[in-house]
C-alpha atoms as a PDB file:
ATOM      1  CA  MET A   1      98.384 -32.969  -8.348  1.00  0.00           C
ATOM      2  CA  SER A   2      96.068 -30.245  -9.090  1.00  0.00           C
ATOM      3  CA  MET A   3      94.125 -30.046 -12.361  1.00  0.00           C
ATOM      4  CA  ARG A   4      95.591 -26.826 -12.793  1.00  0.00           C
ATOM      5  CA  LYS A   5      99.259 -28.063 -12.755  1.00  0.00           C
ATOM      6  CA  GLY A   6      98.107 -30.654 -15.092  1.00  0.00           C
ATOM      7  CA  VAL A   7      97.320 -28.891 -17.581  1.00  0.00           C
ATOM      8  CA  LEU A   8     100.159 -26.083 -17.842  1.00  0.00           C
ATOM      9  CA  LEU A   9     102.372 -29.105 -17.905  1.00  0.00           C
ATOM     10  CA  VAL A  10     100.223 -30.800 -20.974  1.00  0.00           C
ATOM     11  CA  ALA A  11     100.975 -27.275 -22.150  1.00  0.00           C
ATOM     12  CA  ALA A  12     104.581 -27.157 -21.702  1.00  0.00           C
ATOM     13  CA  SER A  13     105.319 -30.767 -23.028  1.00  0.00           C
ATOM     14  CA  ILE A  14     103.490 -29.651 -26.335  1.00  0.00           C
ATOM     15  CA  PHE A  15     105.760 -26.323 -26.349  1.00  0.00           C
ATOM     16  CA  LEU A  16     108.613 -27.961 -26.134  1.00  0.00           C
ATOM     17  CA  GLY A  17     108.283 -30.879 -28.213  1.00  0.00           C
ATOM     18  CA  GLY A  18     108.675 -28.997 -31.377  1.00  0.00           C
ATOM     19  CA  CYS A  19     108.078 -25.425 -32.630  1.00  0.00           C
ATOM     20  CA  VAL A  20     105.161 -24.337 -33.371  1.00  0.00           C
ATOM     21  CA  THR A  21     103.645 -21.388 -35.223  1.00  0.00           C
ATOM     22  CA  ALA A  22     101.900 -18.404 -33.188  1.00  0.00           C
ATOM     23  CA  GLY A  23      98.753 -19.299 -34.417  1.00  0.00           C
ATOM     24  CA  LYS A  24      99.236 -22.653 -33.310  1.00  0.00           C
ATOM     25  CA  TYR A  25     100.351 -21.353 -29.973  1.00  0.00           C
ATOM     26  CA  LYS A  26      97.826 -18.607 -29.417  1.00  0.00           C
ATOM     27  CA  ALA A  27      95.517 -21.515 -29.936  1.00  0.00           C
ATOM     28  CA  LEU A  28      96.977 -23.687 -27.382  1.00  0.00           C
ATOM     29  CA  GLU A  29      97.169 -21.183 -25.428  1.00  0.00           C
ATOM     30  CA  THR A  30      93.582 -19.989 -25.439  1.00  0.00           C
ATOM     31  CA  GLU A  31      92.587 -23.711 -25.321  1.00  0.00           C
ATOM     32  CA  ALA A  32      95.291 -24.031 -21.994  1.00  0.00           C
ATOM     33  CA  GLN A  33      93.220 -21.276 -21.045  1.00  0.00           C
ATOM     34  CA  ALA A  34      90.261 -22.928 -21.241  1.00  0.00           C
ATOM     35  CA  GLN A  35      91.414 -26.111 -19.751  1.00  0.00           C
ATOM     36  CA  LYS A  36      92.656 -23.599 -17.323  1.00  0.00           C
ATOM     37  CA  THR A  37      88.950 -22.465 -16.584  1.00  0.00           C
ATOM     38  CA  LYS A  38      87.720 -26.012 -17.099  1.00  0.00           C
ATOM     39  CA  ALA A  39      89.951 -27.241 -14.252  1.00  0.00           C
ATOM     40  CA  ALA A  40      89.177 -24.314 -12.123  1.00  0.00           C
ATOM     41  CA  GLY A  41      85.572 -24.848 -12.721  1.00  0.00           C
ATOM     42  CA  LEU A  42      86.557 -28.812 -12.021  1.00  0.00           C
ATOM     43  CA  GLU A  43      87.955 -27.938  -8.912  1.00  0.00           C
ATOM     44  CA  ASP A  44      85.119 -25.963  -7.726  1.00  0.00           C
ATOM     45  CA  GLN A  45      83.013 -28.805  -8.495  1.00  0.00           C
ATOM     46  CA  LEU A  46      85.527 -31.005  -6.855  1.00  0.00           C
ATOM     47  CA  GLN A  47      85.077 -28.750  -3.394  1.00  0.00           C
ATOM     48  CA  THR A  48      81.371 -28.663  -3.483  1.00  0.00           C
ATOM     49  CA  SER A  49      81.683 -32.508  -4.151  1.00  0.00           C
ATOM     50  CA  LYS A  50      84.074 -32.644  -1.018  1.00  0.00           C
ATOM     51  CA  LYS A  51      81.152 -30.709   0.803  1.00  0.00           C
ATOM     52  CA  ASP A  52      78.741 -32.590  -0.539  1.00  0.00           C
ATOM     53  CA  ALA A  53      80.843 -35.700   0.369  1.00  0.00           C
ATOM     54  CA  ASP A  54      81.173 -34.571   4.094  1.00  0.00           C
ATOM     55  CA  GLY A  55      77.467 -34.286   4.458  1.00  0.00           C
ATOM     56  CA  LEU A  56      76.441 -37.324   3.182  1.00  0.00           C
ATOM     57  CA  ARG A  57      78.970 -38.709   5.458  1.00  0.00           C
ATOM     58  CA  GLN A  58      77.576 -36.871   8.428  1.00  0.00           C
ATOM     59  CA  GLN A  59      74.189 -37.909   7.000  1.00  0.00           C
ATOM     60  CA  MET A  60      75.325 -41.313   6.764  1.00  0.00           C
ATOM     61  CA  ASP A  61      76.499 -41.130  10.158  1.00  0.00           C
ATOM     62  CA  ALA A  62      73.424 -40.486  11.599  1.00  0.00           C
ATOM     63  CA  SER A  63      71.296 -42.886   9.551  1.00  0.00           C
ATOM     64  CA  LYS A  64      73.832 -45.347  10.870  1.00  0.00           C
ATOM     65  CA  THR A  65      72.748 -44.095  14.478  1.00  0.00           C
ATOM     66  CA  GLU A  66      69.140 -43.965  13.510  1.00  0.00           C
ATOM     67  CA  HIS A  67      69.776 -47.598  11.472  1.00  0.00           C
ATOM     68  CA  THR A  68      71.130 -49.143  14.736  1.00  0.00           C
ATOM     69  CA  THR A  69      67.967 -47.738  16.854  1.00  0.00           C
ATOM     70  CA  ALA A  70      65.814 -48.738  14.476  1.00  0.00           C
ATOM     71  CA  SER A  71      67.473 -52.228  13.926  1.00  0.00           C
ATOM     72  CA  ARG A  72      67.143 -52.690  17.718  1.00  0.00           C
ATOM     73  CA  GLN A  73      63.535 -51.376  17.527  1.00  0.00           C
ATOM     74  CA  PHE A  74      63.043 -54.140  14.594  1.00  0.00           C
ATOM     75  CA  ALA A  75      64.464 -56.424  16.652  1.00  0.00           C
ATOM     76  CA  ASP A  76      62.647 -55.841  19.518  1.00  0.00           C
ATOM     77  CA  GLN A  77      59.441 -56.014  17.349  1.00  0.00           C
ATOM     78  CA  LEU A  78      61.244 -59.170  15.611  1.00  0.00           C
ATOM     79  CA  SER A  79      61.156 -60.988  18.904  1.00  0.00           C
ATOM     80  CA  ASP A  80      58.176 -60.219  19.850  1.00  0.00           C
ATOM     81  CA  SER A  81      56.057 -61.140  16.631  1.00  0.00           C
ATOM     82  CA  GLN A  82      58.400 -64.479  16.747  1.00  0.00           C
ATOM     83  CA  ALA A  83      57.139 -64.848  20.167  1.00  0.00           C
ATOM     84  CA  LYS A  84      53.627 -64.166  18.965  1.00  0.00           C
ATOM     85  CA  LEU A  85      54.396 -66.213  15.645  1.00  0.00           C
ATOM     86  CA  LYS A  86      55.550 -68.907  18.263  1.00  0.00           C
ATOM     87  CA  GLY A  87      52.048 -68.667  20.151  1.00  0.00           C
ATOM     88  CA  ALA A  88      49.864 -68.433  17.113  1.00  0.00           C
ATOM     89  CA  THR A  89      51.833 -71.454  15.528  1.00  0.00           C
ATOM     90  CA  GLU A  90      51.352 -73.839  18.915  1.00  0.00           C
ATOM     91  CA  GLU A  91      47.700 -72.353  18.949  1.00  0.00           C
ATOM     92  CA  LEU A  92      47.498 -73.148  15.148  1.00  0.00           C
ATOM     93  CA  ALA A  93      48.980 -76.859  15.838  1.00  0.00           C
ATOM     94  CA  SER A  94      46.614 -76.972  18.981  1.00  0.00           C
ATOM     95  CA  VAL A  95      43.520 -76.095  16.286  1.00  0.00           C
ATOM     96  CA  LYS A  96      44.693 -78.324  13.929  1.00  0.00           C
ATOM     97  CA  ALA A  97      44.449 -81.191  16.287  1.00  0.00           C
ATOM     98  CA  ARG A  98      41.141 -80.348  17.370  1.00  0.00           C
ATOM     99  CA  VAL A  99      40.238 -80.408  14.318  1.00  0.00           C
ATOM    100  CA  ALA A 100      41.573 -83.863  13.578  1.00  0.00           C
ATOM    101  CA  THR A 101      40.002 -84.941  16.303  1.00  0.00           C
ATOM    102  CA  LEU A 102      36.445 -83.394  15.200  1.00  0.00           C
ATOM    103  CA  GLU A 103      37.380 -84.752  11.880  1.00  0.00           C
ATOM    104  CA  ASP A 104      37.752 -88.290  13.464  1.00  0.00           C
ATOM    105  CA  SER A 105      34.010 -87.575  15.155  1.00  0.00           C
ATOM    106  CA  ASN A 106      32.520 -86.164  12.522  1.00  0.00           C
ATOM    107  CA  LYS A 107      33.870 -89.059  10.091  1.00  0.00           C
ATOM    108  CA  ASP A 108      32.617 -91.485  12.962  1.00  0.00           C
ATOM    109  CA  LEU A 109      28.960 -89.642  13.102  1.00  0.00           C
ATOM    110  CA  ARG A 110      28.834 -90.214   9.079  1.00  0.00           C
ATOM    111  CA  ILE A 111      29.695 -93.406   9.111  1.00  0.00           C
ATOM    112  CA  SER A 112      26.986 -93.947  11.968  1.00  0.00           C
ATOM    113  CA  LEU A 113      24.597 -91.664   9.708  1.00  0.00           C
ATOM    114  CA  GLU A 114      25.152 -94.100   7.074  1.00  0.00           C
ATOM    115  CA  ALA A 115      24.611 -96.685   8.892  1.00  0.00           C
ATOM    116  CA  ASN A 116      21.305 -95.655  10.235  1.00  0.00           C
ATOM    117  CA  LYS A 117      20.215 -93.926   6.932  1.00  0.00           C
ATOM    118  CA  GLY A 118      18.468 -96.736   5.354  1.00  0.00           C
ATOM    119  CA  GLU A 119      17.025 -97.998   8.981  1.00  0.00           C
ATOM    120  CA  LEU A 120      15.415 -94.404   9.103  1.00  0.00           C
ATOM    121  CA  THR A 121      14.368 -94.217   5.549  1.00  0.00           C
ATOM    122  CA  LYS A 122      12.386 -97.648   6.384  1.00  0.00           C
ATOM    123  CA  LYS A 123      10.796 -95.990   9.616  1.00  0.00           C
ATOM    124  CA  VAL A 124       9.893 -93.040   7.552  1.00  0.00           C
ATOM    125  CA  SER A 125       7.924 -95.411   4.962  1.00  0.00           C
ATOM    126  CA  ASP A 126       6.216 -97.102   7.582  1.00  0.00           C
ATOM    127  CA  LEU A 127       5.271 -93.767   9.055  1.00  0.00           C
ATOM    128  CA  SER A 128       4.495 -92.663   5.769  1.00  0.00           C
ATOM    129  CA  LYS A 129       1.982 -95.980   5.685  1.00  0.00           C
ATOM    130  CA  ASP A 130       0.962 -95.222   9.025  1.00  0.00           C
ATOM    131  CA  LYS A 131       0.231 -92.162   8.390  1.00  0.00           C
ATOM    132  CA  ASP A 132      -1.866 -92.934   4.954  1.00  0.00           C
ATOM    133  CA  GLU A 133      -4.129 -95.587   7.122  1.00  0.00           C
ATOM    134  CA  LEU A 134      -4.900 -93.516   9.847  1.00  0.00           C
ATOM    135  CA  ALA A 135      -5.991 -91.194   7.220  1.00  0.00           C
ATOM    136  CA  LYS A 136      -8.137 -93.313   5.790  1.00  0.00           C
ATOM    137  CA  LYS A 137      -9.315 -94.565   8.999  1.00  0.00           C
ATOM    138  CA  LEU A 138     -10.010 -91.054   9.816  1.00  0.00           C
ATOM    139  CA  SER A 139     -11.825 -90.432   6.905  1.00  0.00           C
ATOM    140  CA  ASN A 140     -13.719 -93.909   7.216  1.00  0.00           C
ATOM    141  CA  THR A 141     -14.228 -92.627  11.253  1.00  0.00           C
ATOM    142  CA  ALA A 142     -15.450 -89.423   9.677  1.00  0.00           C
ATOM    143  CA  ASN A 143     -17.812 -90.662   7.451  1.00  0.00           C
ATOM    144  CA  GLU A 144     -19.364 -93.218   9.946  1.00  0.00           C
ATOM    145  CA  LEU A 145     -19.660 -90.141  11.989  1.00  0.00           C
ATOM    146  CA  ALA A 146     -21.623 -88.673   9.674  1.00  0.00           C
ATOM    147  CA  SER A 147     -23.716 -91.075   8.848  1.00  0.00           C
ATOM    148  CA  VAL A 148     -24.166 -91.724  12.544  1.00  0.00           C
ATOM    149  CA  LYS A 149     -24.952 -87.990  12.981  1.00  0.00           C
ATOM    150  CA  ALA A 150     -27.653 -88.172  10.114  1.00  0.00           C
ATOM    151  CA  SER A 151     -29.148 -91.478  11.719  1.00  0.00           C
ATOM    152  CA  ARG A 152     -29.408 -89.536  15.058  1.00  0.00           C
ATOM    153  CA  GLU A 153     -30.752 -86.110  13.812  1.00  0.00           C
ATOM    154  CA  ALA A 154     -33.280 -88.170  11.836  1.00  0.00           C
ATOM    155  CA  GLU A 155     -34.117 -90.514  15.895  1.00  0.00           C
ATOM    156  CA  VAL A 156     -33.964 -87.120  17.143  1.00  0.00           C
ATOM    157  CA  SER A 157     -36.878 -85.606  14.724  1.00  0.00           C
ATOM    158  CA  ALA A 158     -38.843 -88.849  14.948  1.00  0.00           C
ATOM    159  CA  LEU A 159     -38.104 -88.888  18.879  1.00  0.00           C
ATOM    160  CA  GLN A 160     -39.200 -84.838  18.804  1.00  0.00           C
ATOM    161  CA  ARG A 161     -42.141 -85.657  16.728  1.00  0.00           C
ATOM    162  CA  LYS A 162     -43.045 -88.560  18.811  1.00  0.00           C
ATOM    163  CA  LEU A 163     -42.975 -86.424  21.569  1.00  0.00           C
ATOM    164  CA  GLY A 164     -44.996 -83.522  20.040  1.00  0.00           C
ATOM    165  CA  ALA A 165     -47.783 -86.864  19.377  1.00  0.00           C
ATOM    166  CA  ALA A 166     -47.232 -87.869  22.820  1.00  0.00           C
ATOM    167  CA  LEU A 167     -47.828 -84.444  23.912  1.00  0.00           C
ATOM    168  CA  ALA A 168     -50.786 -83.896  22.285  1.00  0.00           C
ATOM    169  CA  GLU A 169     -52.173 -87.061  22.849  1.00  0.00           C
ATOM    170  CA  LYS A 170     -51.377 -86.042  26.868  1.00  0.00           C
ATOM    171  CA  VAL A 171     -53.081 -82.768  26.607  1.00  0.00           C
ATOM    172  CA  ALA A 172     -56.287 -84.652  24.405  1.00  0.00           C
ATOM    173  CA  LEU A 173     -55.952 -87.247  27.301  1.00  0.00           C
ATOM    174  CA  GLU A 174     -55.960 -84.946  30.314  1.00  0.00           C
ATOM    175  CA  LYS A 175     -58.891 -82.935  28.298  1.00  0.00           C
ATOM    176  CA  ALA A 176     -60.587 -85.942  28.380  1.00  0.00           C
ATOM    177  CA  LYS A 177     -59.813 -87.067  31.517  1.00  0.00           C
ATOM    178  CA  GLU A 178     -61.582 -83.729  33.098  1.00  0.00           C
ATOM    179  CA  GLU A 179     -64.465 -84.484  30.792  1.00  0.00           C
ATOM    180  CA  GLU A 180     -64.537 -87.726  32.499  1.00  0.00           C
ATOM    181  CA  VAL A 181     -64.215 -86.592  35.733  1.00  0.00           C
ATOM    182  CA  ALA A 182     -66.848 -84.239  35.221  1.00  0.00           C
ATOM    183  CA  ARG A 183     -69.333 -86.816  33.459  1.00  0.00           C
ATOM    184  CA  VAL A 184     -68.845 -88.971  36.512  1.00  0.00           C
ATOM    185  CA  LYS A 185     -69.132 -86.505  38.961  1.00  0.00           C
ATOM    186  CA  GLY A 186     -72.522 -85.577  37.182  1.00  0.00           C
ATOM    187  CA  SER A 187     -73.591 -89.321  37.261  1.00  0.00           C
ATOM    188  CA  TYR A 188     -72.171 -89.277  40.898  1.00  0.00           C
ATOM    189  CA  GLU A 189     -74.272 -86.656  41.761  1.00  0.00           C
ATOM    190  CA  SER A 190     -77.466 -87.843  39.723  1.00  0.00           C
ATOM    191  CA  LEU A 191     -76.755 -91.434  41.705  1.00  0.00           C
ATOM    192  CA  ALA A 192     -76.681 -89.969  44.834  1.00  0.00           C
ATOM    193  CA  ALA A 193     -79.758 -87.634  44.008  1.00  0.00           C
ATOM    194  CA  GLY A 194     -81.683 -91.046  43.204  1.00  0.00           C
ATOM    195  CA  LEU A 195     -80.809 -93.005  45.897  1.00  0.00           C
ATOM    196  CA  LYS A 196     -80.610 -90.371  48.670  1.00  0.00           C
ATOM    197  CA  ALA A 197     -82.653 -92.304  50.937  1.00  0.00           C
ATOM    198  CA  GLU A 198     -81.059 -95.536  50.761  1.00  0.00           C
ATOM    199  CA  ILE A 199     -77.511 -93.847  51.203  1.00  0.00           C
ATOM    200  CA  ALA A 200     -79.306 -91.926  54.039  1.00  0.00           C
ATOM    201  CA  ALA A 201     -80.269 -95.475  55.606  1.00  0.00           C
ATOM    202  CA  GLY A 202     -76.566 -96.418  55.121  1.00  0.00           C
ATOM    203  CA  GLU A 203     -77.849 -99.116  52.597  1.00  0.00           C
ATOM    204  CA  VAL A 204     -75.865 -97.653  49.642  1.00  0.00           C
ATOM    205  CA  GLN A 205     -72.640 -95.941  49.577  1.00  0.00           C
ATOM    206  CA  LEU A 206     -71.347 -94.122  46.667  1.00  0.00           C
ATOM    207  CA  THR A 207     -67.624 -93.953  45.844  1.00  0.00           C
ATOM    208  CA  GLN A 208     -65.565 -91.879  42.832  1.00  0.00           C
ATOM    209  CA  LEU A 209     -62.108 -92.805  42.813  1.00  0.00           C
ATOM    210  CA  LYS A 210     -59.321 -92.636  40.068  1.00  0.00           C
ATOM    211  CA  GLY A 211     -62.600 -92.216  36.912  1.00  0.00           C
ATOM    212  CA  LYS A 212     -64.506 -95.209  38.683  1.00  0.00           C
ATOM    213  CA  LEU A 213     -67.957 -94.752  40.206  1.00  0.00           C
ATOM    214  CA  THR A 214     -69.207 -97.545  42.675  1.00  0.00           C
ATOM    215  CA  VAL A 215     -72.342 -98.404  43.690  1.00  0.00           C
ATOM    216  CA  ASN A 216     -71.675-100.467  46.905  1.00  0.00           C
ATOM    217  CA  MET A 217     -75.155-101.982  48.203  1.00  0.00           C
ATOM    218  CA  VAL A 218     -75.557-104.241  51.097  1.00  0.00           C
ATOM    219  CA  ASP A 219     -77.149-107.691  50.151  1.00  0.00           C
ATOM    220  CA  ARG A 220     -80.097-107.386  52.563  1.00  0.00           C
ATOM    221  CA  ILE A 221     -81.636-104.526  50.247  1.00  0.00           C
ATOM    222  CA  LEU A 222     -81.643-106.988  47.388  1.00  0.00           C
ATOM    223  CA  PHE A 223     -81.384-110.247  48.769  1.00  0.00           C
ATOM    224  CA  ASP A 224     -82.853-112.787  51.518  1.00  0.00           C
ATOM    225  CA  SER A 225     -80.676-114.669  53.157  1.00  0.00           C
ATOM    226  CA  GLY A 226     -79.324-117.199  50.867  1.00  0.00           C
ATOM    227  CA  GLU A 227     -81.194-116.433  48.177  1.00  0.00           C
ATOM    228  CA  ALA A 228     -80.088-115.136  44.534  1.00  0.00           C
ATOM    229  CA  SER A 229     -83.337-113.518  43.734  1.00  0.00           C
ATOM    230  CA  VAL A 230     -83.777-109.992  43.784  1.00  0.00           C
ATOM    231  CA  LYS A 231     -86.772-108.706  46.239  1.00  0.00           C
ATOM    232  CA  PRO A 232     -89.187-106.294  45.391  1.00  0.00           C
ATOM    233  CA  ASN A 233     -87.728-103.224  47.478  1.00  0.00           C
ATOM    234  CA  GLY A 234     -83.873-103.946  45.808  1.00  0.00           C
ATOM    235  CA  ARG A 235     -85.989-103.598  41.884  1.00  0.00           C
ATOM    236  CA  LYS A 236     -86.934-100.466  42.898  1.00  0.00           C
ATOM    237  CA  VAL A 237     -83.061 -99.067  44.199  1.00  0.00           C
ATOM    238  CA  LEU A 238     -81.708-101.115  41.038  1.00  0.00           C
ATOM    239  CA  GLU A 239     -84.275 -99.039  38.705  1.00  0.00           C
ATOM    240  CA  ASN A 240     -83.154 -95.778  40.309  1.00  0.00           C
ATOM    241  CA  ILE A 241     -79.358 -96.963  39.864  1.00  0.00           C
ATOM    242  CA  ALA A 242     -80.394 -97.655  36.191  1.00  0.00           C
ATOM    243  CA  LYS A 243     -82.129 -94.527  35.536  1.00  0.00           C
ATOM    244  CA  ALA A 244     -78.883 -92.548  36.663  1.00  0.00           C
ATOM    245  CA  ILE A 245     -76.262 -95.060  34.507  1.00  0.00           C
ATOM    246  CA  LYS A 246     -78.353 -94.857  31.100  1.00  0.00           C
ATOM    247  CA  SER A 247     -76.886 -91.428  30.527  1.00  0.00           C
ATOM    248  CA  VAL A 248     -73.281 -92.894  30.880  1.00  0.00           C
ATOM    249  CA  ALA A 249     -72.926 -94.723  27.433  1.00  0.00           C
ATOM    250  CA  ASP A 250     -69.088 -94.710  27.509  1.00  0.00           C
ATOM    251  CA  LYS A 251     -68.751 -96.932  30.421  1.00  0.00           C
ATOM    252  CA  ASP A 252     -69.069-100.673  31.069  1.00  0.00           C
ATOM    253  CA  ILE A 253     -71.196-101.696  34.097  1.00  0.00           C
ATOM    254  CA  ARG A 254     -69.660-104.347  35.793  1.00  0.00           C
ATOM    255  CA  ILE A 255     -71.944-105.758  38.832  1.00  0.00           C
ATOM    256  CA  GLU A 256     -69.537-107.731  41.495  1.00  0.00           C
ATOM    257  CA  GLY A 257     -71.041-110.549  43.712  1.00  0.00           C
ATOM    258  CA  HIS A 258     -69.278-110.298  47.462  1.00  0.00           C
ATOM    259  CA  THR A 259     -70.103-112.809  50.791  1.00  0.00           C
ATOM    260  CA  ASP A 260     -68.398-113.118  54.106  1.00  0.00           C
ATOM    261  CA  ASN A 261     -66.484-115.980  54.643  1.00  0.00           C
ATOM    262  CA  VAL A 262     -69.202-117.951  56.023  1.00  0.00           C
ATOM    263  CA  PRO A 263     -69.082-121.501  54.145  1.00  0.00           C
ATOM    264  CA  ILE A 264     -72.379-122.447  53.065  1.00  0.00           C
ATOM    265  CA  GLY A 265     -74.150-125.149  55.122  1.00  0.00           C
ATOM    266  CA  GLY A 266     -77.156-127.169  54.840  1.00  0.00           C
ATOM    267  CA  ASP A 267     -79.791-127.437  52.266  1.00  0.00           C
ATOM    268  CA  LEU A 268     -78.636-124.500  50.497  1.00  0.00           C
ATOM    269  CA  LYS A 269     -74.900-126.085  49.634  1.00  0.00           C
ATOM    270  CA  ASN A 270     -76.768-128.430  47.188  1.00  0.00           C
ATOM    271  CA  ARG A 271     -77.613-125.255  44.989  1.00  0.00           C
ATOM    272  CA  PHE A 272     -74.439-123.345  46.098  1.00  0.00           C
ATOM    273  CA  PRO A 273     -71.485-125.432  47.081  1.00  0.00           C
ATOM    274  CA  THR A 274     -69.331-122.507  48.194  1.00  0.00           C
ATOM    275  CA  ASN A 275     -69.290-118.461  47.837  1.00  0.00           C
ATOM    276  CA  TRP A 276     -68.139-118.643  44.478  1.00  0.00           C
ATOM    277  CA  GLU A 277     -71.523-120.079  43.066  1.00  0.00           C
ATOM    278  CA  LEU A 278     -73.542-117.547  45.539  1.00  0.00           C
ATOM    279  CA  SER A 279     -71.790-114.538  44.957  1.00  0.00           C
ATOM    280  CA  THR A 280     -71.775-115.258  41.167  1.00  0.00           C
ATOM    281  CA  ALA A 281     -75.643-116.197  40.905  1.00  0.00           C
ATOM    282  CA  ARG A 282     -76.556-112.943  42.715  1.00  0.00           C
ATOM    283  CA  ALA A 283     -74.330-110.712  40.442  1.00  0.00           C
ATOM    284  CA  THR A 284     -75.753-112.568  37.423  1.00  0.00           C
ATOM    285  CA  ALA A 285     -79.088-111.628  38.646  1.00  0.00           C
ATOM    286  CA  VAL A 286     -78.451-108.154  39.291  1.00  0.00           C
ATOM    287  CA  ALA A 287     -77.187-107.970  35.246  1.00  0.00           C
ATOM    288  CA  ARG A 288     -80.096-110.025  34.405  1.00  0.00           C
ATOM    289  CA  TYR A 289     -82.574-107.366  35.717  1.00  0.00           C
ATOM    290  CA  LEU A 290     -80.731-104.309  34.531  1.00  0.00           C
ATOM    291  CA  GLN A 291     -80.806-105.806  31.457  1.00  0.00           C
ATOM    292  CA  GLU A 292     -84.271-107.466  31.298  1.00  0.00           C
ATOM    293  CA  LYS A 293     -86.028-104.849  33.153  1.00  0.00           C
ATOM    294  CA  ALA A 294     -84.126-101.530  33.429  1.00  0.00           C
ATOM    295  CA  LEU A 295     -83.348-101.972  29.548  1.00  0.00           C
ATOM    296  CA  LEU A 296     -79.234-101.649  29.634  1.00  0.00           C
ATOM    297  CA  ASP A 297     -77.548-102.657  27.140  1.00  0.00           C
ATOM    298  CA  PRO A 298     -76.547-105.973  27.693  1.00  0.00           C
ATOM    299  CA  MET A 299     -72.844-105.515  25.916  1.00  0.00           C
ATOM    300  CA  ARG A 300     -72.015-103.492  28.470  1.00  0.00           C
ATOM    301  CA  LEU A 301     -72.695-105.552  31.120  1.00  0.00           C
ATOM    302  CA  VAL A 302     -70.491-107.627  33.062  1.00  0.00           C
ATOM    303  CA  ALA A 303     -70.993-110.061  35.783  1.00  0.00           C
ATOM    304  CA  ALA A 304     -68.519-111.538  38.622  1.00  0.00           C
ATOM    305  CA  GLY A 305     -68.376-113.325  41.552  1.00  0.00           C
ATOM    306  CA  TYR A 306     -65.526-112.764  44.276  1.00  0.00           C
ATOM    307  CA  GLY A 307     -66.700-114.790  46.937  1.00  0.00           C
ATOM    308  CA  GLU A 308     -65.275-114.173  50.221  1.00  0.00           C
ATOM    309  CA  PHE A 309     -61.602-113.092  49.038  1.00  0.00           C
ATOM    310  CA  ARG A 310     -62.034-109.408  48.696  1.00  0.00           C
ATOM    311  CA  PRO A 311     -63.376-108.424  51.954  1.00  0.00           C
ATOM    312  CA  VAL A 312     -63.648-104.508  53.012  1.00  0.00           C
ATOM    313  CA  ALA A 313     -63.875-105.309  56.800  1.00  0.00           C
ATOM    314  CA  ARG A 314     -62.633-108.242  59.043  1.00  0.00           C
ATOM    315  CA  ASN A 315     -64.620-110.954  59.464  1.00  0.00           C
ATOM    316  CA  ASP A 316     -64.413-110.948  63.172  1.00  0.00           C
ATOM    317  CA  LYS A 317     -67.956-109.923  64.083  1.00  0.00           C
ATOM    318  CA  PRO A 318     -71.494-109.476  62.341  1.00  0.00           C
ATOM    319  CA  GLU A 319     -71.288-106.174  61.488  1.00  0.00           C
ATOM    320  CA  ASN A 320     -68.254-106.337  59.472  1.00  0.00           C
ATOM    321  CA  LYS A 321     -69.810-109.730  58.041  1.00  0.00           C
ATOM    322  CA  ALA A 322     -72.335-107.792  56.937  1.00  0.00           C
ATOM    323  CA  LEU A 323     -70.242-105.156  55.033  1.00  0.00           C
ATOM    324  CA  ASN A 324     -67.899-107.816  53.042  1.00  0.00           C
ATOM    325  CA  ARG A 325     -71.896-109.094  52.164  1.00  0.00           C
ATOM    326  CA  ARG A 326     -71.863-106.967  49.560  1.00  0.00           C
ATOM    327  CA  ILE A 327     -73.132-106.119  45.353  1.00  0.00           C
ATOM    328  CA  GLU A 328     -70.835-103.502  43.798  1.00  0.00           C
ATOM    329  CA  ILE A 329     -72.101-102.125  40.905  1.00  0.00           C
ATOM    330  CA  VAL A 330     -68.809-100.161  39.038  1.00  0.00           C
ATOM    331  CA  LEU A 331     -68.715 -98.020  36.274  1.00  0.00           C
ATOM    332  CA  VAL A 332     -65.399 -98.459  34.585  1.00  0.00           C
ATOM    333  CA  PRO A 333     -63.752 -97.267  30.872  1.00  0.00           C
ATOM    334  CA  LYS A 334     -64.797 -99.884  28.301  1.00  0.00           C
ATOM    335  CA  GLU A 335     -62.172-101.922  26.991  1.00  0.00           C
END
């Protein structure tokens, strides 16, 4: 039944139910018209609502279709997500298992570390003590090295001073040696000039070697055979030698007597038991003559007999034996 018919019925029932005045009827009619109009409006609204309901129903059907499609997509996504979730869950379980394993290992390591901590601490302490001892030893060694260095430097300085002094002494000695060589050379030349005749006759030889000047005289110009007294001709030779060696004041004069190897025989043996005594007596005779007659300082004179034990030639023939029977006057540095 429509809203309009309902309104009319209400109006009729009211009218038939009793007598009403015209004014009241008019009012009721007006009210009924108003209700009619209102009912018409409501009808229109109802139609509009039906249309809207149809549209909504269509939209609902479309939404259902879309919802079904979305539900399928969601289901697929959900299935995929569930699969991924399952994989992630399994991976998480694996990771948890590995974590548990690592935690166990870490626990074991921690226990081992705690066990070794005391030992390591002791080792560190020992190493620290060793380090301190080594540092102390190093410091002591450094001090010792510094002391040794200072000592060595002092020694080097002292050696350098000694070296300088030695070099200066060497220069002085070389200079003195040169001067000595010059003096010996002068004495040699002076002796050579004074003994020119004797040297020419082969009775005297002069040698100059290592700063020593030697006058070598065969015994026959000084002594007769078996005698130890200087002959007159020999004295002249000794005077010439004395004149030459007087000027060499810084030398000692060593007179050496030498013989051949022929043993002393006959009555001569009573005076000279061996060649030692003969050679020494002849050297002493020359030294006494140089002191007493040539007036040489006796402090510079030395007499020595060598007998037959310093030959200058082999004693195998007369001329060589004659060379061994000799008197040598040697100028040597003073002691």
